[in-house]
Amino acid sequence: MVSRSPGPLPTLRDQVAELRRERKMRDQVYPHLINTGKLQGGEALRRNAALDAAIKTLDRLALDLDTERERIARVARFEGR
């Protein structure tokens, strides 16, 4: 097996985007899995709730990180005067 470098690590925004894509895919796939008995409705709800919470958490962290970066940039500009 050949090991390849995945390149730069994904940003928090990249991770949130990927989780949102996963959530949309589940909205398409889960009804079929439930209808065919391969997934229980309650389990689907639990999984989606966990994914939604992860999206919310990472989204908030990304916003906090952006805010902190902006604050640091303002301080650096002020100190550079």
N, C-alpha and C. Protein backbone atom coordinates (compact mmCIF):
# COMPACT_ATOMS: atom_id res chain seq x y z
N MET A 1 0.84 -1.18 0.00
CA MET A 1 0.00 0.00 0.00
C MET A 1 0.88 1.24 0.00
N VAL A 2 0.57 2.17 -0.86
CA VAL A 2 1.34 3.39 -0.98
C VAL A 2 0.72 4.44 -0.06
N SER A 3 1.57 5.04 0.78
CA SER A 3 1.10 6.09 1.68
C SER A 3 1.26 7.43 0.99
N ARG A 4 0.18 8.19 0.94
CA ARG A 4 0.24 9.50 0.33
C ARG A 4 -0.07 10.57 1.36
N SER A 5 0.63 11.66 1.25
CA SER A 5 0.36 12.77 2.14
C SER A 5 -0.97 13.40 1.74
N PRO A 6 -1.86 13.63 2.71
CA PRO A 6 -3.15 14.21 2.37
C PRO A 6 -3.09 15.70 2.08
N GLY A 7 -1.92 16.28 2.18
CA GLY A 7 -1.80 17.73 1.97
C GLY A 7 -2.10 18.45 3.27
N PRO A 8 -2.39 19.73 3.16
CA PRO A 8 -2.65 20.49 4.37
C PRO A 8 -3.90 19.98 5.09
N LEU A 9 -3.88 20.10 6.40
CA LEU A 9 -5.04 19.67 7.17
C LEU A 9 -6.23 20.58 6.86
N PRO A 10 -7.43 20.00 6.87
CA PRO A 10 -8.60 20.83 6.58
C PRO A 10 -8.85 21.84 7.70
N THR A 11 -9.30 23.01 7.31
CA THR A 11 -9.63 24.04 8.29
C THR A 11 -10.93 23.67 8.99
N LEU A 12 -11.25 24.40 10.05
CA LEU A 12 -12.54 24.17 10.72
C LEU A 12 -13.69 24.41 9.75
N ARG A 13 -13.56 25.43 8.92
CA ARG A 13 -14.62 25.71 7.93
C ARG A 13 -14.75 24.54 6.95
N ASP A 14 -13.63 23.95 6.53
CA ASP A 14 -13.67 22.78 5.65
C ASP A 14 -14.38 21.62 6.34
N GLN A 15 -14.08 21.43 7.62
CA GLN A 15 -14.69 20.34 8.37
C GLN A 15 -16.20 20.54 8.51
N VAL A 16 -16.62 21.76 8.78
CA VAL A 16 -18.04 22.05 8.88
C VAL A 16 -18.73 21.80 7.55
N ALA A 17 -18.10 22.22 6.47
CA ALA A 17 -18.68 22.01 5.14
C ALA A 17 -18.84 20.51 4.86
N GLU A 18 -17.85 19.72 5.24
CA GLU A 18 -17.93 18.28 5.02
C GLU A 18 -19.04 17.66 5.85
N LEU A 19 -19.19 18.11 7.09
CA LEU A 19 -20.28 17.60 7.93
C LEU A 19 -21.65 17.99 7.37
N ARG A 20 -21.74 19.19 6.82
CA ARG A 20 -23.01 19.61 6.20
C ARG A 20 -23.33 18.74 4.97
N ARG A 21 -22.30 18.39 4.19
CA ARG A 21 -22.52 17.49 3.05
C ARG A 21 -23.00 16.13 3.53
N GLU A 22 -22.38 15.64 4.60
CA GLU A 22 -22.78 14.35 5.18
C GLU A 22 -24.24 14.41 5.64
N ARG A 23 -24.63 15.50 6.26
CA ARG A 23 -26.01 15.65 6.75
C ARG A 23 -27.00 15.61 5.59
N LYS A 24 -26.66 16.30 4.50
CA LYS A 24 -27.54 16.29 3.32
C LYS A 24 -27.65 14.88 2.73
N MET A 25 -26.52 14.17 2.72
CA MET A 25 -26.53 12.80 2.20
C MET A 25 -27.42 11.92 3.07
N ARG A 26 -27.34 12.09 4.38
CA ARG A 26 -28.19 11.30 5.27
C ARG A 26 -29.67 11.59 5.02
N ASP A 27 -29.99 12.85 4.76
CA ASP A 27 -31.38 13.20 4.47
C ASP A 27 -31.89 12.45 3.24
N GLN A 28 -31.00 12.13 2.33
CA GLN A 28 -31.37 11.40 1.11
C GLN A 28 -31.40 9.88 1.34
N VAL A 29 -30.46 9.37 2.14
CA VAL A 29 -30.26 7.93 2.27
C VAL A 29 -31.08 7.32 3.42
N TYR A 30 -31.15 8.02 4.54
CA TYR A 30 -31.80 7.43 5.73
C TYR A 30 -33.24 7.00 5.51
N PRO A 31 -34.08 7.77 4.81
CA PRO A 31 -35.46 7.29 4.62
C PRO A 31 -35.52 5.90 3.97
N HIS A 32 -34.68 5.67 2.98
CA HIS A 32 -34.64 4.35 2.34
C HIS A 32 -34.19 3.27 3.32
N LEU A 33 -33.15 3.58 4.10
CA LEU A 33 -32.66 2.60 5.08
C LEU A 33 -33.73 2.29 6.13
N ILE A 34 -34.47 3.29 6.53
CA ILE A 34 -35.54 3.08 7.50
C ILE A 34 -36.66 2.25 6.88
N ASN A 35 -37.05 2.60 5.66
CA ASN A 35 -38.14 1.88 4.98
C ASN A 35 -37.80 0.42 4.73
N THR A 36 -36.52 0.11 4.52
CA THR A 36 -36.12 -1.29 4.26
C THR A 36 -35.74 -2.02 5.53
N GLY A 37 -35.87 -1.36 6.68
CA GLY A 37 -35.58 -2.01 7.96
C GLY A 37 -34.11 -2.11 8.30
N LYS A 38 -33.26 -1.44 7.55
CA LYS A 38 -31.82 -1.49 7.82
C LYS A 38 -31.39 -0.49 8.87
N LEU A 39 -32.26 0.45 9.20
CA LEU A 39 -31.97 1.46 10.21
C LEU A 39 -33.27 1.81 10.91
N GLN A 40 -33.22 1.84 12.22
CA GLN A 40 -34.38 2.22 13.01
C GLN A 40 -34.54 3.74 13.00
N GLY A 41 -35.76 4.20 12.98
CA GLY A 41 -36.03 5.63 12.96
C GLY A 41 -35.40 6.36 14.13
N GLY A 42 -35.49 5.77 15.31
CA GLY A 42 -34.91 6.40 16.50
C GLY A 42 -33.40 6.52 16.41
N GLU A 43 -32.77 5.51 15.84
CA GLU A 43 -31.32 5.55 15.66
C GLU A 43 -30.93 6.63 14.66
N ALA A 44 -31.72 6.76 13.60
CA ALA A 44 -31.45 7.80 12.60
C ALA A 44 -31.56 9.18 13.26
N LEU A 45 -32.57 9.38 14.07
CA LEU A 45 -32.74 10.66 14.78
C LEU A 45 -31.56 10.93 15.71
N ARG A 46 -31.11 9.90 16.44
CA ARG A 46 -29.98 10.05 17.37
C ARG A 46 -28.71 10.42 16.61
N ARG A 47 -28.45 9.72 15.51
CA ARG A 47 -27.25 10.02 14.71
C ARG A 47 -27.29 11.43 14.13
N ASN A 48 -28.45 11.82 13.62
CA ASN A 48 -28.56 13.16 13.05
C ASN A 48 -28.44 14.24 14.12
N ALA A 49 -28.98 13.98 15.30
CA ALA A 49 -28.85 14.95 16.39
C ALA A 49 -27.38 15.11 16.79
N ALA A 50 -26.65 14.00 16.83
CA ALA A 50 -25.22 14.07 17.16
C ALA A 50 -24.45 14.84 16.09
N LEU A 51 -24.77 14.58 14.83
CA LEU A 51 -24.10 15.27 13.74
C LEU A 51 -24.45 16.75 13.74
N ASP A 52 -25.72 17.07 13.98
CA ASP A 52 -26.13 18.47 14.05
C ASP A 52 -25.40 19.20 15.18
N ALA A 53 -25.24 18.53 16.32
CA ALA A 53 -24.52 19.13 17.45
C ALA A 53 -23.05 19.36 17.09
N ALA A 54 -22.44 18.41 16.39
CA ALA A 54 -21.05 18.57 15.97
C ALA A 54 -20.90 19.74 15.01
N ILE A 55 -21.85 19.87 14.08
CA ILE A 55 -21.82 20.99 13.14
C ILE A 55 -21.93 22.30 13.90
N LYS A 56 -22.85 22.37 14.83
CA LYS A 56 -23.04 23.59 15.62
C LYS A 56 -21.79 23.93 16.43
N THR A 57 -21.19 22.92 17.04
CA THR A 57 -19.98 23.13 17.85
C THR A 57 -18.83 23.63 16.99
N LEU A 58 -18.55 22.96 15.89
CA LEU A 58 -17.44 23.37 15.03
C LEU A 58 -17.70 24.73 14.38
N ASP A 59 -18.95 24.98 14.04
CA ASP A 59 -19.30 26.28 13.47
C ASP A 59 -19.01 27.40 14.48
N ARG A 60 -19.38 27.16 15.73
CA ARG A 60 -19.13 28.16 16.79
C ARG A 60 -17.62 28.33 17.02
N LEU A 61 -16.89 27.24 17.05
CA LEU A 61 -15.43 27.32 17.22
C LEU A 61 -14.79 28.09 16.07
N ALA A 62 -15.26 27.84 14.85
CA ALA A 62 -14.70 28.55 13.69
C ALA A 62 -14.99 30.05 13.80
N LEU A 63 -16.20 30.40 14.23
CA LEU A 63 -16.55 31.80 14.41
C LEU A 63 -15.69 32.44 15.49
N ASP A 64 -15.53 31.73 16.61
CA ASP A 64 -14.68 32.23 17.69
C ASP A 64 -13.24 32.42 17.22
N LEU A 65 -12.73 31.48 16.44
CA LEU A 65 -11.37 31.57 15.93
C LEU A 65 -11.23 32.76 14.99
N ASP A 66 -12.21 32.95 14.11
CA ASP A 66 -12.18 34.11 13.20
C ASP A 66 -12.18 35.41 13.99
N THR A 67 -13.02 35.48 15.02
CA THR A 67 -13.11 36.68 15.84
C THR A 67 -11.79 36.95 16.55
N GLU A 68 -11.17 35.91 17.07
CA GLU A 68 -9.90 36.07 17.77
C GLU A 68 -8.79 36.50 16.81
N ARG A 69 -8.78 35.94 15.62
CA ARG A 69 -7.78 36.34 14.62
C ARG A 69 -7.94 37.82 14.25
N GLU A 70 -9.19 38.25 14.10
CA GLU A 70 -9.44 39.67 13.80
C GLU A 70 -8.97 40.56 14.95
N ARG A 71 -9.22 40.13 16.19
CA ARG A 71 -8.79 40.91 17.35
C ARG A 71 -7.27 41.02 17.39
N ILE A 72 -6.59 39.92 17.15
CA ILE A 72 -5.12 39.92 17.15
C ILE A 72 -4.59 40.82 16.04
N ALA A 73 -5.21 40.79 14.88
CA ALA A 73 -4.78 41.64 13.76
C ALA A 73 -4.96 43.11 14.11
N ARG A 74 -6.07 43.46 14.75
CA ARG A 74 -6.29 44.86 15.16
C ARG A 74 -5.24 45.30 16.17
N VAL A 75 -4.94 44.45 17.14
CA VAL A 75 -3.92 44.78 18.15
C VAL A 75 -2.56 44.97 17.47
N ALA A 76 -2.23 44.06 16.55
CA ALA A 76 -0.94 44.16 15.86
C ALA A 76 -0.84 45.43 15.04
N ARG A 77 -1.94 45.82 14.37
CA ARG A 77 -1.93 47.07 13.61
C ARG A 77 -1.79 48.26 14.54
N PHE A 78 -2.47 48.23 15.67
CA PHE A 78 -2.41 49.33 16.63
C PHE A 78 -0.99 49.46 17.20
N GLU A 79 -0.37 48.34 17.56
CA GLU A 79 0.97 48.35 18.14
C GLU A 79 2.02 48.72 17.10
N GLY A 80 1.72 48.51 15.84
CA GLY A 80 2.67 48.81 14.78
C GLY A 80 2.72 50.28 14.41
N ARG A 81 1.85 51.06 14.98
CA ARG A 81 1.81 52.51 14.65
C ARG A 81 2.98 53.24 15.19
